[in-house]
C-alpha atoms as a PDB file:
ATOM      1  CA  MET A   1     -12.178 -11.610   6.410  1.00  0.00           C
ATOM      2  CA  PRO A   2      -9.598  -9.474   8.280  1.00  0.00           C
ATOM      3  CA  TRP A   3      -6.934 -10.436   5.732  1.00  0.00           C
ATOM      4  CA  LEU A   4      -9.191  -9.293   2.908  1.00  0.00           C
ATOM      5  CA  TRP A   5      -9.718  -5.934   4.661  1.00  0.00           C
ATOM      6  CA  LEU A   6      -5.967  -5.661   5.112  1.00  0.00           C
ATOM      7  CA  VAL A   7      -5.258  -6.305   1.428  1.00  0.00           C
ATOM      8  CA  ILE A   8      -7.910  -3.804   0.335  1.00  0.00           C
ATOM      9  CA  GLY A   9      -6.474  -1.286   2.803  1.00  0.00           C
ATOM     10  CA  GLY A  10      -3.052  -1.822   1.241  1.00  0.00           C
ATOM     11  CA  VAL A  11      -4.509  -1.123  -2.185  1.00  0.00           C
ATOM     12  CA  PHE A  12      -5.965   2.146  -0.903  1.00  0.00           C
ATOM     13  CA  GLU A  13      -2.522   2.953   0.473  1.00  0.00           C
ATOM     14  CA  VAL A  14      -1.272   2.739  -3.118  1.00  0.00           C
ATOM     15  CA  GLY A  15      -4.090   5.151  -3.983  1.00  0.00           C
ATOM     16  CA  PHE A  16      -3.030   7.748  -1.467  1.00  0.00           C
ATOM     17  CA  THR A  17       0.665   7.528  -2.265  1.00  0.00           C
ATOM     18  CA  THR A  18      -0.086   7.841  -5.976  1.00  0.00           C
ATOM     19  CA  SER A  19      -2.390  10.802  -5.299  1.00  0.00           C
ATOM     20  CA  LEU A  20       0.446  12.568  -3.475  1.00  0.00           C
ATOM     21  CA  ARG A  21       2.221  12.912  -6.803  1.00  0.00           C
ATOM     22  CA  PHE A  22      -0.537  15.221  -8.038  1.00  0.00           C
ATOM     23  CA  VAL A  23      -1.811  17.187  -5.008  1.00  0.00           C
ATOM     24  CA  ASP A  24       0.523  20.137  -5.743  1.00  0.00           C
ATOM     25  CA  GLY A  25       0.831  21.319  -2.174  1.00  0.00           C
ATOM     26  CA  PHE A  26      -2.826  20.358  -1.613  1.00  0.00           C
ATOM     27  CA  ARG A  27      -3.907  23.011  -4.113  1.00  0.00           C
ATOM     28  CA  ASN A  28      -5.203  20.503  -6.675  1.00  0.00           C
ATOM     29  CA  LEU A  29      -8.619  19.812  -5.137  1.00  0.00           C
ATOM     30  CA  PRO A  30      -9.623  16.605  -6.990  1.00  0.00           C
ATOM     31  CA  TRP A  31      -6.311  14.911  -6.210  1.00  0.00           C
ATOM     32  CA  THR A  32      -6.353  16.229  -2.653  1.00  0.00           C
ATOM     33  CA  LEU A  33      -9.819  14.737  -2.143  1.00  0.00           C
ATOM     34  CA  ALA A  34      -8.642  11.447  -3.671  1.00  0.00           C
ATOM     35  CA  PHE A  35      -5.709  11.481  -1.258  1.00  0.00           C
ATOM     36  CA  LEU A  36      -7.882  12.208   1.790  1.00  0.00           C
ATOM     37  CA  VAL A  37     -10.500   9.595   0.908  1.00  0.00           C
ATOM     38  CA  SER A  38      -7.834   6.975   0.186  1.00  0.00           C
ATOM     39  CA  VAL A  39      -6.031   7.691   3.468  1.00  0.00           C
ATOM     40  CA  ALA A  40      -9.270   7.457   5.448  1.00  0.00           C
ATOM     41  CA  ILE A  41     -10.323   4.173   3.855  1.00  0.00           C
ATOM     42  CA  SER A  42      -6.843   2.678   4.082  1.00  0.00           C
ATOM     43  CA  MET A  43      -6.441   3.545   7.765  1.00  0.00           C
ATOM     44  CA  ALA A  44      -9.959   2.377   8.630  1.00  0.00           C
ATOM     45  CA  LEU A  45      -9.363  -0.988   6.972  1.00  0.00           C
ATOM     46  CA  LEU A  46      -6.007  -1.343   8.730  1.00  0.00           C
ATOM     47  CA  GLU A  47      -7.774  -0.658  12.014  1.00  0.00           C
ATOM     48  CA  PHE A  48     -10.485  -3.251  11.277  1.00  0.00           C
ATOM     49  CA  ALA A  49      -7.899  -5.856  10.330  1.00  0.00           C
ATOM     50  CA  SER A  50      -5.761  -5.173  13.401  1.00  0.00           C
ATOM     51  CA  ARG A  51      -8.657  -6.113  15.668  1.00  0.00           C
ATOM     52  CA  THR A  52      -7.919  -9.734  14.738  1.00  0.00           C
ATOM     53  CA  ILE A  53      -4.458  -9.765  13.172  1.00  0.00           C
ATOM     54  CA  PRO A  54      -1.581  -8.755  15.478  1.00  0.00           C
ATOM     55  CA  MET A  55      -0.796  -5.068  14.915  1.00  0.00           C
ATOM     56  CA  GLY A  56       2.857  -5.613  13.981  1.00  0.00           C
ATOM     57  CA  THR A  57       1.912  -8.202  11.379  1.00  0.00           C
ATOM     58  CA  ALA A  58      -0.995  -6.142  10.052  1.00  0.00           C
ATOM     59  CA  TYR A  59       1.130  -3.016   9.736  1.00  0.00           C
ATOM     60  CA  ALA A  60       3.997  -4.862   8.041  1.00  0.00           C
ATOM     61  CA  VAL A  61       1.655  -6.483   5.506  1.00  0.00           C
ATOM     62  CA  TRP A  62      -0.288  -3.254   4.902  1.00  0.00           C
ATOM     63  CA  GLY A  63       2.906  -1.268   4.434  1.00  0.00           C
ATOM     64  CA  GLY A  64       4.421  -3.952   2.227  1.00  0.00           C
ATOM     65  CA  ILE A  65       1.379  -4.053  -0.041  1.00  0.00           C
ATOM     66  CA  GLY A  66       1.469  -0.277  -0.254  1.00  0.00           C
ATOM     67  CA  ALA A  67       5.192  -0.187  -0.984  1.00  0.00           C
ATOM     68  CA  VAL A  68       5.106  -2.893  -3.647  1.00  0.00           C
ATOM     69  CA  GLY A  69       1.970  -1.462  -5.224  1.00  0.00           C
ATOM     70  CA  THR A  70       3.422   2.038  -5.301  1.00  0.00           C
ATOM     71  CA  VAL A  71       6.625   0.793  -6.931  1.00  0.00           C
ATOM     72  CA  ILE A  72       4.602  -1.115  -9.543  1.00  0.00           C
ATOM     73  CA  VAL A  73       2.501   1.993 -10.290  1.00  0.00           C
ATOM     74  CA  GLY A  74       5.710   4.005 -10.578  1.00  0.00           C
ATOM     75  CA  ILE A  75       7.224   1.539 -13.025  1.00  0.00           C
ATOM     76  CA  LEU A  76       4.109   1.083 -15.157  1.00  0.00           C
ATOM     77  CA  TRP A  77       2.696   4.625 -15.270  1.00  0.00           C
ATOM     78  CA  PHE A  78       5.550   6.955 -14.407  1.00  0.00           C
ATOM     79  CA  HIS A  79       8.377   5.082 -16.148  1.00  0.00           C
ATOM     80  CA  GLU A  80      10.495   4.756 -13.027  1.00  0.00           C
ATOM     81  CA  PRO A  81      13.511   2.426 -13.287  1.00  0.00           C
ATOM     82  CA  SER A  82      12.869  -1.319 -13.192  1.00  0.00           C
ATOM     83  CA  SER A  83      16.304  -2.870 -12.826  1.00  0.00           C
ATOM     84  CA  THR A  84      16.734  -6.550 -12.060  1.00  0.00           C
ATOM     85  CA  VAL A  85      17.947  -5.791  -8.538  1.00  0.00           C
ATOM     86  CA  ARG A  86      14.956  -3.545  -7.865  1.00  0.00           C
ATOM     87  CA  LEU A  87      12.520  -6.206  -9.102  1.00  0.00           C
ATOM     88  CA  LEU A  88      14.233  -8.894  -6.998  1.00  0.00           C
ATOM     89  CA  LEU A  89      13.954  -6.708  -3.902  1.00  0.00           C
ATOM     90  CA  ILE A  90      10.252  -6.167  -4.603  1.00  0.00           C
ATOM     91  CA  LEU A  91       9.879  -9.932  -4.927  1.00  0.00           C
ATOM     92  CA  ALA A  92      11.556 -10.280  -1.516  1.00  0.00           C
ATOM     93  CA  ILE A  93       8.956  -7.949   0.012  1.00  0.00           C
ATOM     94  CA  VAL A  94       6.155 -10.006  -1.557  1.00  0.00           C
ATOM     95  CA  ALA A  95       7.744 -13.194  -0.198  1.00  0.00           C
ATOM     96  CA  ALA A  96       7.966 -11.652   3.280  1.00  0.00           C
ATOM     97  CA  ILE A  97       4.275 -10.660   3.133  1.00  0.00           C
ATOM     98  CA  ALA A  98       3.337 -14.199   2.090  1.00  0.00           C
ATOM     99  CA  ALA A  99       5.453 -15.626   4.912  1.00  0.00           C
ATOM    100  CA  LEU A 100       3.785 -13.351   7.460  1.00  0.00           C
ATOM    101  CA  ARG A 101       0.384 -14.507   6.218  1.00  0.00           C
ATOM    102  CA  ALA A 102       1.441 -18.143   6.411  1.00  0.00           C
ATOM    103  CA  THR A 103       2.648 -17.813   9.998  1.00  0.00           C
ATOM    104  CA  ALA A 104      -0.276 -15.747  11.316  1.00  0.00           C
END
């Protein structure tokens, strides 16, 4: 169950990083609330997961999920570049996350 909480927390990390694009100096209230709620949920789930999973592993996986998810959102919704090298590096992050899970 801690791994599930960690993955869900990583997804909420994608939510708060995506929300940052729209907060407009925290003047855009709906996006600011989305950011704050996403941060709170993401951090809480990271904390729950780290009770069982070693903190370094949990943080690396959580951050990796957030980073990969944010890049994917950027490519799909914001038309950010998706070069072959960039996609291979994202794949390397995913492989590292899988390896951390396999060795935990």
